[in-house]
Amino acid sequence: MVEAVAVASGKGGTGKTTTLALGMALAEEHDVTVVDADTGMANLLFHAGLGDADTTLHDVLLGEAPVAAATYDRFGMRVVPCGTSLAAFEAADPERLREAVATLARGTDVLLLDSPATLGSKSAVLPVVLADRTVVVLEPTIPALSDGLKVGEYAAAYGTDVAGVLFNKVRGDADAVVEKTGRYFDGPTLGQVPASEPAREARRAGEPLLAHAPDSSAARAFRSAAGRLDPKPGAAARVADRFRSAVIPDPP
């Protein structure tokens, strides 16, 4: 049984790679696999302590390795990092992501796809199209909300539900923006993660927040958001077949 959830934002710099934090929170009750599907601007490997990984998703997308070789056990979950080589990104075949995700779907409960911040290429939009639902990560500002709406609209156009909105790097009172979010997004507000020194320290240490500061207010907010996400696994074989048959769309 598996559900694929894309974690996406409309703009870089929102802390989208908090996918690891959501993954660790979900892994307290589910079998979780996190995939860095941001093949052009990957950095999840550094946050997961995999900067020296021999095999990454780039090797899989180049047809040089099976996805099992690029899968690592970290922090109570499985992580598939992506490399940072521009040459590998340009040579990689995004269509191979379908087969890789289909293979991973057969061995996990929740498949988190860390997606590119923008939707400007086929490789960027594919994670959102493959997912059952999308979590939209935003900073609590009106411009960020506008960017997030574009992600939600694109997901809806391909039949991907919006699981909800997760506000990150929250400073002070964000209620006005949260209220506006409720008007425009179908999904709920999953939570508000405060900007905090422990989160900054975790980034500097190259560790997921929930490993570095598990009792921090930000870590508690991620656990609360994971609880509201409430994964709804589907039949693994059916999900895998859907991934394999997915049509790569043109970017918006």
C-alpha atoms as a PDB file:
ATOM      1  CA  MET A   1       0.000   0.000   0.000  1.00  0.00           C
ATOM      2  CA  VAL A   2       1.466   3.361  -1.002  1.00  0.00           C
ATOM      3  CA  GLU A   3       0.603   7.000  -1.540  1.00  0.00           C
ATOM      4  CA  ALA A   4       2.866   9.363  -3.500  1.00  0.00           C
ATOM      5  CA  VAL A   5       3.008  12.931  -2.191  1.00  0.00           C
ATOM      6  CA  ALA A   6       4.876  15.709  -3.978  1.00  0.00           C
ATOM      7  CA  VAL A   7       6.303  18.527  -1.870  1.00  0.00           C
ATOM      8  CA  ALA A   8       6.437  21.651  -4.007  1.00  0.00           C
ATOM      9  CA  SER A   9       6.519  25.425  -3.924  1.00  0.00           C
ATOM     10  CA  GLY A  10       6.177  28.124  -6.519  1.00  0.00           C
ATOM     11  CA  LYS A  11       9.497  29.755  -5.776  1.00  0.00           C
ATOM     12  CA  GLY A  12      12.944  28.839  -4.467  1.00  0.00           C
ATOM     13  CA  GLY A  13      14.102  29.720  -0.984  1.00  0.00           C
ATOM     14  CA  THR A  14      10.954  28.689   0.865  1.00  0.00           C
ATOM     15  CA  GLY A  15      12.622  25.761   2.598  1.00  0.00           C
ATOM     16  CA  LYS A  16      11.059  23.187   0.304  1.00  0.00           C
ATOM     17  CA  THR A  17      13.634  20.576   1.316  1.00  0.00           C
ATOM     18  CA  THR A  18      11.851  20.368   4.652  1.00  0.00           C
ATOM     19  CA  THR A  19      10.601  17.254   2.836  1.00  0.00           C
ATOM     20  CA  LEU A  20      13.090  15.456   5.096  1.00  0.00           C
ATOM     21  CA  ALA A  21      11.428  16.853   8.198  1.00  0.00           C
ATOM     22  CA  LEU A  22       8.001  15.746   6.989  1.00  0.00           C
ATOM     23  CA  GLY A  23       9.476  12.385   6.064  1.00  0.00           C
ATOM     24  CA  MET A  24      10.963  11.834   9.514  1.00  0.00           C
ATOM     25  CA  ALA A  25       7.701  12.869  11.173  1.00  0.00           C
ATOM     26  CA  LEU A  26       5.698  10.501   8.974  1.00  0.00           C
ATOM     27  CA  ALA A  27       8.244   7.718   9.543  1.00  0.00           C
ATOM     28  CA  GLU A  28       7.221   7.576  13.199  1.00  0.00           C
ATOM     29  CA  GLU A  29       4.084   5.733  12.021  1.00  0.00           C
ATOM     30  CA  HIS A  30       4.690   4.796   8.372  1.00  0.00           C
ATOM     31  CA  ASP A  31       7.318   3.266   6.106  1.00  0.00           C
ATOM     32  CA  VAL A  32       8.635   6.311   4.215  1.00  0.00           C
ATOM     33  CA  THR A  33      10.817   6.803   1.139  1.00  0.00           C
ATOM     34  CA  VAL A  34      11.989  10.299   0.181  1.00  0.00           C
ATOM     35  CA  VAL A  35      13.114  11.008  -3.397  1.00  0.00           C
ATOM     36  CA  ASP A  36      14.982  14.168  -4.381  1.00  0.00           C
ATOM     37  CA  ALA A  37      13.217  14.709  -7.696  1.00  0.00           C
ATOM     38  CA  ASP A  38      14.685  18.220  -8.032  1.00  0.00           C
ATOM     39  CA  THR A  39      17.148  16.953 -10.611  1.00  0.00           C
ATOM     40  CA  GLY A  40      18.416  20.377 -11.651  1.00  0.00           C
ATOM     41  CA  MET A  41      18.942  22.041  -8.263  1.00  0.00           C
ATOM     42  CA  ALA A  42      19.336  19.085  -5.910  1.00  0.00           C
ATOM     43  CA  ASN A  43      20.508  19.692  -2.354  1.00  0.00           C
ATOM     44  CA  LEU A  44      18.611  17.179  -0.264  1.00  0.00           C
ATOM     45  CA  LEU A  45      21.691  14.929  -0.172  1.00  0.00           C
ATOM     46  CA  PHE A  46      23.562  17.488   1.924  1.00  0.00           C
ATOM     47  CA  HIS A  47      20.731  17.715   4.460  1.00  0.00           C
ATOM     48  CA  ALA A  48      20.623  13.916   4.731  1.00  0.00           C
ATOM     49  CA  GLY A  49      24.363  13.431   5.245  1.00  0.00           C
ATOM     50  CA  LEU A  50      24.745  11.901   1.789  1.00  0.00           C
ATOM     51  CA  GLY A  51      27.110  14.395   0.202  1.00  0.00           C
ATOM     52  CA  ASP A  52      29.554  11.561  -0.539  1.00  0.00           C
ATOM     53  CA  ALA A  53      26.964   9.118  -1.927  1.00  0.00           C
ATOM     54  CA  ASP A  54      28.479   6.993  -4.696  1.00  0.00           C
ATOM     55  CA  THR A  55      25.228   6.509  -6.596  1.00  0.00           C
ATOM     56  CA  THR A  56      22.373   8.996  -6.945  1.00  0.00           C
ATOM     57  CA  LEU A  57      19.163   9.483  -8.886  1.00  0.00           C
ATOM     58  CA  HIS A  58      21.194  11.047 -11.693  1.00  0.00           C
ATOM     59  CA  ASP A  59      22.849   7.664 -12.277  1.00  0.00           C
ATOM     60  CA  VAL A  60      19.408   6.064 -12.414  1.00  0.00           C
ATOM     61  CA  LEU A  61      18.112   8.640 -14.900  1.00  0.00           C
ATOM     62  CA  LEU A  62      21.224   8.113 -17.030  1.00  0.00           C
ATOM     63  CA  GLY A  63      20.460   4.378 -17.157  1.00  0.00           C
ATOM     64  CA  GLU A  64      23.701   3.548 -15.353  1.00  0.00           C
ATOM     65  CA  ALA A  65      22.292   2.106 -12.098  1.00  0.00           C
ATOM     66  CA  PRO A  66      19.083   0.598 -10.679  1.00  0.00           C
ATOM     67  CA  VAL A  67      17.178   2.746  -8.226  1.00  0.00           C
ATOM     68  CA  ALA A  68      17.998   0.294  -5.421  1.00  0.00           C
ATOM     69  CA  ALA A  69      21.663   1.284  -5.733  1.00  0.00           C
ATOM     70  CA  ALA A  70      20.725   4.929  -5.137  1.00  0.00           C
ATOM     71  CA  THR A  71      18.575   4.211  -2.070  1.00  0.00           C
ATOM     72  CA  TYR A  72      20.043   4.768   1.412  1.00  0.00           C
ATOM     73  CA  ASP A  73      18.711   4.186   4.933  1.00  0.00           C
ATOM     74  CA  ARG A  74      18.815   7.455   6.858  1.00  0.00           C
ATOM     75  CA  PHE A  75      17.017   8.703   9.956  1.00  0.00           C
ATOM     76  CA  GLY A  76      14.440   5.918  10.045  1.00  0.00           C
ATOM     77  CA  MET A  77      13.456   6.192   6.380  1.00  0.00           C
ATOM     78  CA  ARG A  78      14.860   5.509   2.914  1.00  0.00           C
ATOM     79  CA  VAL A  79      16.335   8.405   0.947  1.00  0.00           C
ATOM     80  CA  VAL A  80      17.073   8.578  -2.786  1.00  0.00           C
ATOM     81  CA  PRO A  81      19.363  11.606  -3.253  1.00  0.00           C
ATOM     82  CA  CYS A  82      20.054  13.332  -6.534  1.00  0.00           C
ATOM     83  CA  GLY A  83      23.475  14.489  -7.662  1.00  0.00           C
ATOM     84  CA  THR A  84      24.494  18.071  -8.319  1.00  0.00           C
ATOM     85  CA  SER A  85      26.295  17.698 -11.651  1.00  0.00           C
ATOM     86  CA  LEU A  86      24.924  20.036 -14.311  1.00  0.00           C
ATOM     87  CA  ALA A  87      26.241  17.738 -17.032  1.00  0.00           C
ATOM     88  CA  ALA A  88      24.397  14.775 -15.517  1.00  0.00           C
ATOM     89  CA  PHE A  89      21.216  16.830 -15.225  1.00  0.00           C
ATOM     90  CA  GLU A  90      21.386  17.795 -18.895  1.00  0.00           C
ATOM     91  CA  ALA A  91      22.060  14.207 -19.998  1.00  0.00           C
ATOM     92  CA  ALA A  92      19.495  12.543 -17.718  1.00  0.00           C
ATOM     93  CA  ASP A  93      16.282  11.163 -19.190  1.00  0.00           C
ATOM     94  CA  PRO A  94      13.335  12.363 -17.049  1.00  0.00           C
ATOM     95  CA  GLU A  95      11.163   9.579 -18.450  1.00  0.00           C
ATOM     96  CA  ARG A  96      13.216   7.102 -16.408  1.00  0.00           C
ATOM     97  CA  LEU A  97      11.856   8.758 -13.267  1.00  0.00           C
ATOM     98  CA  ARG A  98       8.534   7.019 -13.930  1.00  0.00           C
ATOM     99  CA  GLU A  99      10.072   3.547 -13.723  1.00  0.00           C
ATOM    100  CA  ALA A 100      12.214   4.481 -10.711  1.00  0.00           C
ATOM    101  CA  VAL A 101       9.213   5.773  -8.782  1.00  0.00           C
ATOM    102  CA  ALA A 102       7.141   2.747  -9.828  1.00  0.00           C
ATOM    103  CA  THR A 103       9.835   0.438  -8.430  1.00  0.00           C
ATOM    104  CA  LEU A 104      10.052   2.362  -5.164  1.00  0.00           C
ATOM    105  CA  ALA A 105       6.259   2.335  -4.792  1.00  0.00           C
ATOM    106  CA  ARG A 106       6.250  -1.417  -4.293  1.00  0.00           C
ATOM    107  CA  GLY A 107       8.268  -1.224  -1.081  1.00  0.00           C
ATOM    108  CA  THR A 108       6.960   1.694   0.965  1.00  0.00           C
ATOM    109  CA  ASP A 109       3.822   3.221   2.494  1.00  0.00           C
ATOM    110  CA  VAL A 110       4.517   6.891   1.747  1.00  0.00           C
ATOM    111  CA  LEU A 111       6.598   8.118  -1.172  1.00  0.00           C
ATOM    112  CA  LEU A 112       7.624  11.773  -0.770  1.00  0.00           C
ATOM    113  CA  LEU A 113       8.805  13.460  -3.977  1.00  0.00           C
ATOM    114  CA  ASP A 114      10.858  16.580  -3.284  1.00  0.00           C
ATOM    115  CA  SER A 115       9.964  18.665  -6.321  1.00  0.00           C
ATOM    116  CA  PRO A 116      11.640  21.580  -8.107  1.00  0.00           C
ATOM    117  CA  ALA A 117      10.657  25.037  -6.927  1.00  0.00           C
ATOM    118  CA  THR A 118       9.587  26.126 -10.402  1.00  0.00           C
ATOM    119  CA  LEU A 119       7.635  24.379 -13.166  1.00  0.00           C
ATOM    120  CA  GLY A 120       9.697  25.415 -16.162  1.00  0.00           C
ATOM    121  CA  SER A 121      10.597  22.036 -17.679  1.00  0.00           C
ATOM    122  CA  LYS A 122       9.242  18.535 -18.162  1.00  0.00           C
ATOM    123  CA  SER A 123      11.564  17.152 -15.491  1.00  0.00           C
ATOM    124  CA  ALA A 124      10.265  19.822 -13.101  1.00  0.00           C
ATOM    125  CA  VAL A 125       6.551  19.153 -13.538  1.00  0.00           C
ATOM    126  CA  LEU A 126       6.708  15.347 -13.592  1.00  0.00           C
ATOM    127  CA  PRO A 127       6.849  14.820  -9.786  1.00  0.00           C
ATOM    128  CA  VAL A 128       3.640  16.827  -9.334  1.00  0.00           C
ATOM    129  CA  VAL A 129       1.959  14.898 -12.152  1.00  0.00           C
ATOM    130  CA  LEU A 130       3.030  11.511 -10.735  1.00  0.00           C
ATOM    131  CA  ALA A 131       1.851  12.261  -7.201  1.00  0.00           C
ATOM    132  CA  ASP A 132      -1.516  11.414  -5.705  1.00  0.00           C
ATOM    133  CA  ARG A 133      -1.419  14.656  -3.716  1.00  0.00           C
ATOM    134  CA  THR A 134       0.784  17.730  -3.418  1.00  0.00           C
ATOM    135  CA  VAL A 135       1.870  19.608  -0.301  1.00  0.00           C
ATOM    136  CA  VAL A 136       2.493  23.257  -1.189  1.00  0.00           C
ATOM    137  CA  VAL A 137       5.221  24.869   0.953  1.00  0.00           C
ATOM    138  CA  LEU A 138       5.040  28.641   1.271  1.00  0.00           C
ATOM    139  CA  GLU A 139       6.400  31.503   3.270  1.00  0.00           C
ATOM    140  CA  PRO A 140       3.497  33.531   4.700  1.00  0.00           C
ATOM    141  CA  THR A 141       3.492  36.386   2.194  1.00  0.00           C
ATOM    142  CA  ILE A 142       1.030  37.409  -0.503  1.00  0.00           C
ATOM    143  CA  PRO A 143       3.592  37.009  -3.357  1.00  0.00           C
ATOM    144  CA  ALA A 144       4.419  33.498  -2.107  1.00  0.00           C
ATOM    145  CA  LEU A 145       0.718  32.683  -1.965  1.00  0.00           C
ATOM    146  CA  SER A 146       0.380  33.750  -5.592  1.00  0.00           C
ATOM    147  CA  ASP A 147       3.251  31.440  -6.580  1.00  0.00           C
ATOM    148  CA  GLY A 148       1.723  28.580  -4.623  1.00  0.00           C
ATOM    149  CA  LEU A 149      -1.610  29.011  -6.361  1.00  0.00           C
ATOM    150  CA  LYS A 150       0.116  28.355  -9.690  1.00  0.00           C
ATOM    151  CA  VAL A 151       1.417  25.053  -8.334  1.00  0.00           C
ATOM    152  CA  GLY A 152      -2.050  24.127  -7.108  1.00  0.00           C
ATOM    153  CA  GLU A 153      -3.682  25.015 -10.412  1.00  0.00           C
ATOM    154  CA  TYR A 154      -1.171  22.973 -12.368  1.00  0.00           C
ATOM    155  CA  ALA A 155      -1.571  19.992 -10.067  1.00  0.00           C
ATOM    156  CA  ALA A 156      -5.359  20.163 -10.420  1.00  0.00           C
ATOM    157  CA  ALA A 157      -5.065  20.275 -14.205  1.00  0.00           C
ATOM    158  CA  TYR A 158      -3.444  16.829 -14.119  1.00  0.00           C
ATOM    159  CA  GLY A 159      -5.708  15.331 -11.496  1.00  0.00           C
ATOM    160  CA  THR A 160      -3.344  15.694  -8.535  1.00  0.00           C
ATOM    161  CA  ASP A 161      -5.104  16.806  -5.368  1.00  0.00           C
ATOM    162  CA  VAL A 162      -3.680  19.478  -3.077  1.00  0.00           C
ATOM    163  CA  ALA A 163      -3.112  17.848   0.311  1.00  0.00           C
ATOM    164  CA  GLY A 164      -2.719  21.219   1.948  1.00  0.00           C
ATOM    165  CA  VAL A 165      -0.459  24.198   2.498  1.00  0.00           C
ATOM    166  CA  LEU A 166       2.482  24.181   4.890  1.00  0.00           C
ATOM    167  CA  PHE A 167       3.787  27.581   5.919  1.00  0.00           C
ATOM    168  CA  ASN A 168       7.516  27.653   6.634  1.00  0.00           C
ATOM    169  CA  LYS A 169       9.851  30.262   8.142  1.00  0.00           C
ATOM    170  CA  VAL A 170       6.944  31.931   9.892  1.00  0.00           C
ATOM    171  CA  ARG A 171       7.808  35.083  11.812  1.00  0.00           C
ATOM    172  CA  GLY A 172       5.165  36.711  13.957  1.00  0.00           C
ATOM    173  CA  ASP A 173       1.463  36.712  13.112  1.00  0.00           C
ATOM    174  CA  ALA A 174       0.646  34.986   9.816  1.00  0.00           C
ATOM    175  CA  ASP A 175      -3.104  34.723  10.392  1.00  0.00           C
ATOM    176  CA  ALA A 176      -4.037  37.205   7.633  1.00  0.00           C
ATOM    177  CA  VAL A 177      -2.214  35.212   4.955  1.00  0.00           C
ATOM    178  CA  VAL A 178      -3.467  31.909   6.355  1.00  0.00           C
ATOM    179  CA  GLU A 179      -7.029  33.213   6.153  1.00  0.00           C
ATOM    180  CA  LYS A 180      -6.556  34.173   2.499  1.00  0.00           C
ATOM    181  CA  THR A 181      -5.087  30.746   1.808  1.00  0.00           C
ATOM    182  CA  GLY A 182      -8.289  29.128   3.021  1.00  0.00           C
ATOM    183  CA  ARG A 183     -10.226  31.025   0.361  1.00  0.00           C
ATOM    184  CA  TYR A 184      -8.149  29.881  -2.603  1.00  0.00           C
ATOM    185  CA  PHE A 185      -6.784  26.401  -1.846  1.00  0.00           C
ATOM    186  CA  ASP A 186      -8.949  23.300  -1.738  1.00  0.00           C
ATOM    187  CA  GLY A 187      -6.719  21.643   0.836  1.00  0.00           C
ATOM    188  CA  PRO A 188      -6.341  22.691   4.462  1.00  0.00           C
ATOM    189  CA  THR A 189      -3.516  24.567   6.138  1.00  0.00           C
ATOM    190  CA  LEU A 190      -1.337  21.745   7.459  1.00  0.00           C
ATOM    191  CA  GLY A 191       0.663  23.922   9.803  1.00  0.00           C
ATOM    192  CA  GLN A 192       2.899  26.889  10.473  1.00  0.00           C
ATOM    193  CA  VAL A 193       6.585  26.140  11.043  1.00  0.00           C
ATOM    194  CA  PRO A 194       8.289  28.990  12.886  1.00  0.00           C
ATOM    195  CA  ALA A 195      11.585  30.460  11.772  1.00  0.00           C
ATOM    196  CA  SER A 196      13.966  29.367  14.495  1.00  0.00           C
ATOM    197  CA  GLU A 197      17.606  29.130  15.436  1.00  0.00           C
ATOM    198  CA  PRO A 198      17.462  25.310  15.768  1.00  0.00           C
ATOM    199  CA  ALA A 199      16.310  25.117  12.123  1.00  0.00           C
ATOM    200  CA  ARG A 200      19.226  27.283  11.023  1.00  0.00           C
ATOM    201  CA  GLU A 201      21.636  25.237  13.130  1.00  0.00           C
ATOM    202  CA  ALA A 202      20.334  22.021  11.561  1.00  0.00           C
ATOM    203  CA  ARG A 203      20.972  23.386   8.066  1.00  0.00           C
ATOM    204  CA  ARG A 204      24.504  24.366   9.030  1.00  0.00           C
ATOM    205  CA  ALA A 205      25.092  20.934  10.546  1.00  0.00           C
ATOM    206  CA  GLY A 206      23.776  19.152   7.454  1.00  0.00           C
ATOM    207  CA  GLU A 207      21.143  17.286   9.460  1.00  0.00           C
ATOM    208  CA  PRO A 208      17.353  17.104   9.268  1.00  0.00           C
ATOM    209  CA  LEU A 209      15.704  19.301  11.868  1.00  0.00           C
ATOM    210  CA  LEU A 210      13.999  16.398  13.623  1.00  0.00           C
ATOM    211  CA  ALA A 211      17.360  14.688  14.133  1.00  0.00           C
ATOM    212  CA  HIS A 212      19.192  17.836  15.212  1.00  0.00           C
ATOM    213  CA  ALA A 213      16.552  19.407  17.464  1.00  0.00           C
ATOM    214  CA  PRO A 214      13.683  16.931  17.908  1.00  0.00           C
ATOM    215  CA  ASP A 215      12.053  18.894  20.738  1.00  0.00           C
ATOM    216  CA  SER A 216      12.151  22.316  19.077  1.00  0.00           C
ATOM    217  CA  SER A 217       8.978  24.231  18.276  1.00  0.00           C
ATOM    218  CA  ALA A 218       9.687  23.821  14.547  1.00  0.00           C
ATOM    219  CA  ALA A 219      10.051  20.039  14.920  1.00  0.00           C
ATOM    220  CA  ARG A 220       6.757  19.882  16.812  1.00  0.00           C
ATOM    221  CA  ALA A 221       5.101  21.870  14.018  1.00  0.00           C
ATOM    222  CA  PHE A 222       6.333  19.374  11.417  1.00  0.00           C
ATOM    223  CA  ARG A 223       4.982  16.452  13.465  1.00  0.00           C
ATOM    224  CA  SER A 224       1.629  18.191  13.719  1.00  0.00           C
ATOM    225  CA  ALA A 225       1.600  18.806   9.947  1.00  0.00           C
ATOM    226  CA  ALA A 226       2.456  15.162   9.275  1.00  0.00           C
ATOM    227  CA  GLY A 227      -0.481  14.123  11.439  1.00  0.00           C
ATOM    228  CA  ARG A 228      -2.830  16.341   9.462  1.00  0.00           C
ATOM    229  CA  LEU A 229      -1.482  14.985   6.176  1.00  0.00           C
ATOM    230  CA  ASP A 230      -3.005  11.605   7.052  1.00  0.00           C
ATOM    231  CA  PRO A 231      -1.569   9.386   4.257  1.00  0.00           C
ATOM    232  CA  LYS A 232      -4.098   7.362   2.309  1.00  0.00           C
ATOM    233  CA  PRO A 233      -2.184   4.452   0.772  1.00  0.00           C
ATOM    234  CA  GLY A 234      -3.427   2.811  -2.403  1.00  0.00           C
ATOM    235  CA  ALA A 235      -2.631  -0.575  -3.910  1.00  0.00           C
ATOM    236  CA  ALA A 236       1.085  -0.640  -4.723  1.00  0.00           C
ATOM    237  CA  ALA A 237       0.660  -2.500  -8.022  1.00  0.00           C
ATOM    238  CA  ARG A 238      -1.993  -0.050  -9.226  1.00  0.00           C
ATOM    239  CA  VAL A 239       0.096   2.962  -8.235  1.00  0.00           C
ATOM    240  CA  ALA A 240       3.190   1.506  -9.897  1.00  0.00           C
ATOM    241  CA  ASP A 241       1.291   0.894 -13.124  1.00  0.00           C
ATOM    242  CA  ARG A 242       0.001   4.472 -13.065  1.00  0.00           C
ATOM    243  CA  PHE A 243       3.546   5.803 -12.710  1.00  0.00           C
ATOM    244  CA  ARG A 244       4.789   3.723 -15.625  1.00  0.00           C
ATOM    245  CA  SER A 245       2.007   4.915 -17.911  1.00  0.00           C
ATOM    246  CA  ALA A 246       2.164   8.588 -16.903  1.00  0.00           C
ATOM    247  CA  VAL A 247       2.531  11.008 -19.803  1.00  0.00           C
ATOM    248  CA  ILE A 248       5.213  13.649 -19.337  1.00  0.00           C
ATOM    249  CA  PRO A 249       3.419  16.953 -19.903  1.00  0.00           C
ATOM    250  CA  ASP A 250       4.716  20.130 -21.405  1.00  0.00           C
ATOM    251  CA  PRO A 251       5.594  22.723 -18.751  1.00  0.00           C
ATOM    252  CA  PRO A 252       3.110  25.543 -18.122  1.00  0.00           C
END
